[in-house]
Amino acid sequence: MKRSVDERNRLNDLTNKEWLQQTKSFWISKAPPRDELKLQHPATFSEHDIERLIRLFTRSGQTVLDPFVGVGSTLIACLRTGRRGIGIELMPQWCELAEQRLAAECDNSSSPQDDIQILQGDAGSKLADLDSESIDFVVTSPPYWRILEKNGQKVAAERASRDLPTNYGDEIQNLGGIEDYDLFLGKLGEIFAECARVLRAKQYMAVIVSDFRHGPQYYLYHADLANEIQQRGMVLKGVIALLQDSKNLYAYGIPYAFVPNIHHQQILIFQKPESD
């Protein structure tokens, strides 16, 4: 059956029916097993979920930016959807793994890797080199505040037992190592302000985050970060709950206290307003 895209649709290549399905306030994450290269990184996300966001918020051939690209999941999603991709990553070891993963993906893809760029360095500095309003969509999962530094965490202990990295890295610019939570949020806000600058007017940004515990306190990271980004001029348009029901269950507080297993993330959807 021939697909019919509404001629008034300037956002994506979806039919109205396809678009309607994406407006649910929850999505079920589809995460296939991670390859050996992707497994090296301690905090990754599913290419399938990123593909879904890219198809919703861009048209074929447009440019997608990920300022915290890690081992390249967003760029692989760009290849699979026929979009240009720019990824920024601080840590050289993750850039190298991203290059390897992209090379392997290109063996199975008709999309040219020439449309993909990996910029190694600090996100703030690299974003400053990009032209204003040159990006059609920003999608990323930013660092978590010190959450990966907790050696007692069960997931971290499992990774350590397999000789896999348990944190982002030791670079001094690593935002995940900032000790003060408010300072951490402010630094992220500065980077997302730059993302807003390079994003075209009326285009969208998706930020994938999860709330977390640190010591006895539970942090509403998604709400704190949403407020920080809104203060930088972006408009929050909605939140999608990304359900991750395939994750392992851990008996954190049993039988003494309630401690939740966090099996969902929030996708914060922002739009850049038109200039006055």
Protein backbone atom coordinates (compact mmCIF):
# COMPACT_ATOMS: atom_id res chain seq x y z
CA MET A 1 0.00 0.00 0.00
CA LYS A 2 1.32 3.41 -0.97
CA ARG A 3 2.28 5.69 1.94
CA SER A 4 0.73 9.14 1.86
CA VAL A 5 2.50 11.93 3.74
CA ASP A 6 0.46 15.06 4.37
CA GLU A 7 1.73 17.84 2.11
CA ARG A 8 1.60 20.23 5.09
CA ASN A 9 4.03 18.07 7.08
CA ARG A 10 7.40 19.83 7.26
CA LEU A 11 8.72 17.93 10.28
CA ASN A 12 9.11 14.30 9.19
CA ASP A 13 8.40 11.68 6.53
CA LEU A 14 5.64 9.92 8.49
CA THR A 15 2.05 9.46 7.49
CA ASN A 16 -0.51 10.93 9.88
CA LYS A 17 -1.30 7.42 11.17
CA GLU A 18 2.38 6.68 11.78
CA TRP A 19 2.83 10.03 13.51
CA LEU A 20 -0.19 9.41 15.74
CA GLN A 21 1.39 6.22 17.10
CA GLN A 22 4.42 8.20 18.25
CA THR A 23 2.38 10.62 20.34
CA LYS A 24 1.81 8.11 23.17
CA SER A 25 3.24 9.37 26.47
CA PHE A 26 5.12 6.08 26.91
CA TRP A 27 7.26 4.00 24.58
CA ILE A 28 8.52 0.46 25.21
CA SER A 29 12.26 0.37 24.70
CA LYS A 30 13.56 -2.19 22.24
CA ALA A 31 17.15 -2.96 23.11
CA PRO A 32 18.83 -5.83 21.26
CA PRO A 33 21.92 -7.42 22.86
CA ARG A 34 24.89 -5.06 22.88
CA ASP A 35 27.83 -5.94 20.67
CA GLU A 36 31.26 -6.42 22.25
CA LEU A 37 32.37 -2.89 21.36
CA LYS A 38 29.24 -1.23 22.70
CA LEU A 39 29.48 -3.29 25.87
CA GLN A 40 32.70 -1.45 26.77
CA HIS A 41 30.79 1.76 27.57
CA PRO A 42 29.03 1.83 30.97
CA ALA A 43 26.01 3.92 29.90
CA THR A 44 24.59 3.29 26.42
CA PHE A 45 21.17 3.42 24.83
CA SER A 46 19.34 1.52 22.12
CA GLU A 47 19.86 2.49 18.49
CA HIS A 48 16.27 1.39 17.84
CA ASP A 49 14.93 3.99 20.30
CA ILE A 50 17.10 6.70 18.73
CA GLU A 51 15.98 5.71 15.23
CA ARG A 52 12.40 6.17 16.36
CA LEU A 53 13.14 9.69 17.61
CA ILE A 54 15.07 10.57 14.46
CA ARG A 55 12.22 9.43 12.22
CA LEU A 56 9.74 11.47 14.28
CA PHE A 57 11.68 14.73 14.38
CA THR A 58 13.56 14.85 11.04
CA ARG A 59 13.18 14.23 7.35
CA SER A 60 15.51 12.15 5.21
CA GLY A 61 18.86 13.85 4.60
CA GLN A 62 18.64 16.26 7.52
CA THR A 63 21.38 16.71 10.15
CA VAL A 64 21.29 15.24 13.65
CA LEU A 65 23.61 16.26 16.51
CA ASP A 66 24.56 14.31 19.64
CA PRO A 67 26.87 16.35 21.94
CA PHE A 68 27.57 13.31 24.18
CA VAL A 69 27.84 10.59 21.55
CA GLY A 70 29.73 7.94 23.54
CA VAL A 71 30.36 4.89 21.37
CA GLY A 72 28.26 6.18 18.49
CA SER A 73 24.73 4.81 18.92
CA THR A 74 23.14 8.00 17.60
CA LEU A 75 25.43 8.03 14.56
CA ILE A 76 24.59 4.41 13.77
CA ALA A 77 20.90 5.36 13.98
CA CYS A 78 21.63 8.19 11.52
CA LEU A 79 23.19 5.75 9.07
CA ARG A 80 20.21 3.43 9.32
CA THR A 81 17.70 6.24 8.72
CA GLY A 82 19.53 8.14 5.98
CA ARG A 83 20.38 11.22 8.04
CA ARG A 84 23.60 13.16 8.41
CA GLY A 85 25.11 12.86 11.87
CA ILE A 86 27.52 14.85 14.03
CA GLY A 87 28.69 13.37 17.32
CA ILE A 88 30.89 15.01 19.96
CA GLU A 89 32.75 12.88 22.50
CA LEU A 90 35.30 13.91 25.11
CA MET A 91 37.02 10.58 25.68
CA PRO A 92 39.40 9.34 22.95
CA GLN A 93 38.75 5.68 23.81
CA TRP A 94 35.02 6.06 23.18
CA CYS A 95 35.67 7.90 19.89
CA GLU A 96 37.84 5.02 18.74
CA LEU A 97 35.15 2.48 19.59
CA ALA A 98 32.53 4.63 17.83
CA GLU A 99 34.69 4.65 14.69
CA GLN A 100 34.99 0.88 14.80
CA ARG A 101 31.25 0.41 15.29
CA LEU A 102 30.47 2.78 12.41
CA ALA A 103 32.89 0.96 10.13
CA ALA A 104 31.18 -2.33 10.93
CA GLU A 105 27.76 -0.77 10.36
CA CYS A 106 28.81 0.65 6.99
CA ASP A 107 29.58 -2.86 5.80
CA ASN A 108 25.84 -3.54 6.20
CA SER A 109 24.48 -0.14 5.15
CA SER A 110 23.93 1.67 1.89
CA SER A 111 24.37 5.07 3.59
CA PRO A 112 27.82 6.65 3.08
CA GLN A 113 29.92 7.20 6.20
CA ASP A 114 30.96 10.55 4.69
CA ASP A 115 27.70 11.93 6.09
CA ILE A 116 28.87 11.12 9.63
CA GLN A 117 31.32 13.14 11.73
CA ILE A 118 32.87 12.38 15.11
CA LEU A 119 34.41 15.39 16.85
CA GLN A 120 36.73 14.46 19.70
CA GLY A 121 36.94 16.99 22.50
CA ASP A 122 34.97 18.98 25.05
CA ALA A 123 31.34 19.45 23.98
CA GLY A 124 31.27 23.16 24.82
CA SER A 125 34.36 23.90 22.73
CA LYS A 126 33.32 21.76 19.79
CA LEU A 127 29.78 23.19 19.73
CA ALA A 128 31.27 26.68 19.52
CA ASP A 129 32.81 25.68 16.16
CA LEU A 130 29.41 24.81 14.64
CA ASP A 131 27.39 27.41 12.74
CA SER A 132 24.26 28.84 14.30
CA GLU A 133 21.02 27.22 13.10
CA SER A 134 22.86 24.49 11.16
CA ILE A 135 21.30 21.48 12.93
CA ASP A 136 17.84 19.97 12.36
CA PHE A 137 17.57 17.81 15.48
CA VAL A 138 19.52 17.27 18.71
CA VAL A 139 19.22 13.95 20.54
CA THR A 140 21.40 12.80 23.40
CA SER A 141 21.66 11.14 26.78
CA PRO A 142 23.86 13.41 28.93
CA PRO A 143 26.21 12.27 31.71
CA TYR A 144 24.83 11.35 35.11
CA TRP A 145 26.00 13.15 38.22
CA ARG A 146 28.54 10.90 39.98
CA ILE A 147 26.18 7.95 39.61
CA LEU A 148 28.84 5.86 37.88
CA GLU A 149 31.40 6.63 40.60
CA LYS A 150 29.59 4.47 43.17
CA ASN A 151 31.69 1.31 43.45
CA GLY A 152 29.09 -0.40 45.62
CA GLN A 153 26.44 -0.26 42.93
CA LYS A 154 25.49 -3.80 41.86
CA VAL A 155 25.69 -3.06 38.13
CA ALA A 156 29.13 -1.45 38.57
CA ALA A 157 30.31 -4.45 40.59
CA GLU A 158 29.15 -6.79 37.83
CA ARG A 159 31.03 -4.76 35.20
CA ALA A 160 34.17 -4.64 37.35
CA SER A 161 34.04 -8.43 37.74
CA ARG A 162 34.15 -8.68 33.94
CA ASP A 163 37.01 -6.14 33.68
CA LEU A 164 34.76 -3.58 31.93
CA PRO A 165 34.91 0.20 32.54
CA THR A 166 32.57 1.44 35.27
CA ASN A 167 32.71 5.18 34.56
CA TYR A 168 32.98 7.63 31.67
CA GLY A 169 36.72 8.29 32.06
CA ASP A 170 39.26 10.41 33.94
CA GLU A 171 39.41 13.53 31.74
CA ILE A 172 39.24 16.72 33.84
CA GLN A 173 36.34 18.02 31.69
CA ASN A 174 34.27 14.94 32.56
CA LEU A 175 30.99 16.42 33.81
CA GLY A 176 30.07 13.18 35.54
CA GLY A 177 32.85 13.78 38.06
CA ILE A 178 31.66 17.21 39.28
CA GLU A 179 31.00 16.97 43.03
CA ASP A 180 28.34 19.69 43.40
CA TYR A 181 24.96 18.81 41.88
CA ASP A 182 23.91 22.39 41.15
CA LEU A 183 27.24 23.12 39.48
CA PHE A 184 26.84 19.95 37.43
CA LEU A 185 23.39 21.08 36.24
CA GLY A 186 24.72 24.54 35.40
CA LYS A 187 27.53 23.11 33.28
CA LEU A 188 25.05 20.93 31.41
CA GLY A 189 22.83 23.98 30.93
CA GLU A 190 25.69 25.84 29.25
CA ILE A 191 26.16 22.99 26.78
CA PHE A 192 22.45 22.79 26.00
CA ALA A 193 22.41 26.55 25.45
CA GLU A 194 24.98 25.97 22.71
CA CYS A 195 22.84 23.15 21.34
CA ALA A 196 19.96 25.62 21.16
CA ARG A 197 22.15 28.10 19.29
CA VAL A 198 23.09 25.61 16.56
CA LEU A 199 19.55 24.23 16.27
CA ARG A 200 17.29 25.69 13.60
CA ALA A 201 14.28 27.69 14.78
CA LYS A 202 11.13 25.60 15.45
CA GLN A 203 13.18 22.36 15.44
CA TYR A 204 13.34 19.90 18.33
CA MET A 205 15.74 18.48 20.90
CA ALA A 206 15.26 15.17 22.75
CA VAL A 207 17.16 14.57 25.99
CA ILE A 208 17.02 11.06 27.46
CA VAL A 209 17.57 10.88 31.22
CA SER A 210 16.70 8.80 34.25
CA ASP A 211 16.11 9.85 37.83
CA PHE A 212 18.51 8.28 40.33
CA ARG A 213 19.43 7.75 43.94
CA HIS A 214 22.63 9.09 45.49
CA GLY A 215 23.10 7.97 49.07
CA PRO A 216 19.75 8.29 50.86
CA GLN A 217 18.40 10.95 48.47
CA TYR A 218 16.32 10.42 45.34
CA TYR A 219 17.03 13.02 42.62
CA LEU A 220 14.40 14.10 40.10
CA TYR A 221 17.12 14.56 37.51
CA HIS A 222 14.69 14.84 34.60
CA ALA A 223 12.79 17.71 36.26
CA ASP A 224 15.93 19.53 37.41
CA LEU A 225 17.51 19.29 33.97
CA ALA A 226 14.27 20.30 32.23
CA ASN A 227 14.15 23.47 34.33
CA GLU A 228 17.80 24.20 33.57
CA ILE A 229 17.29 23.84 29.82
CA GLN A 230 14.13 25.95 29.84
CA GLN A 231 16.06 28.74 31.55
CA ARG A 232 18.36 28.69 28.50
CA GLY A 233 15.51 29.53 26.12
CA MET A 234 14.19 26.15 24.97
CA VAL A 235 10.48 25.32 25.39
CA LEU A 236 9.50 22.01 26.98
CA LYS A 237 6.82 20.42 24.77
CA GLY A 238 6.31 17.12 26.56
CA VAL A 239 7.83 14.09 28.28
CA ILE A 240 7.77 10.48 27.03
CA ALA A 241 8.35 7.65 29.49
CA LEU A 242 10.70 5.07 27.94
CA LEU A 243 9.94 1.73 29.60
CA GLN A 244 12.87 -0.68 30.05
CA ASP A 245 11.22 -3.84 31.29
CA SER A 246 14.08 -6.11 30.22
CA LYS A 247 16.52 -4.78 32.85
CA ASN A 248 17.59 -6.96 35.76
CA LEU A 249 15.88 -6.71 39.15
CA TYR A 250 18.01 -6.19 42.27
CA ALA A 251 16.85 -6.66 45.88
CA TYR A 252 18.27 -3.29 46.96
CA GLY A 253 16.25 -2.69 50.17
CA ILE A 254 14.57 -6.02 50.80
CA PRO A 255 13.59 -6.94 53.51
CA TYR A 256 14.20 -3.65 55.33
CA ALA A 257 13.16 -0.73 53.13
CA PHE A 258 11.59 0.29 49.85
CA VAL A 259 14.22 1.04 47.20
CA PRO A 260 12.87 1.09 43.64
CA ASN A 261 14.44 -0.57 40.63
CA ILE A 262 14.36 2.24 38.09
CA HIS A 263 13.23 0.62 34.86
CA HIS A 264 12.30 3.67 32.83
CA GLN A 265 13.84 6.81 31.44
CA GLN A 266 12.28 10.12 30.52
CA ILE A 267 12.61 11.59 27.04
CA LEU A 268 12.40 15.37 27.44
CA ILE A 269 11.17 16.99 24.22
CA PHE A 270 12.08 20.65 23.68
CA GLN A 271 11.48 23.01 20.80
CA LYS A 272 13.48 26.06 19.85
CA PRO A 273 11.19 29.09 19.50
CA GLU A 274 11.32 31.42 16.54
CA SER A 275 13.44 34.52 16.98
CA ASP A 276 11.60 37.74 17.80
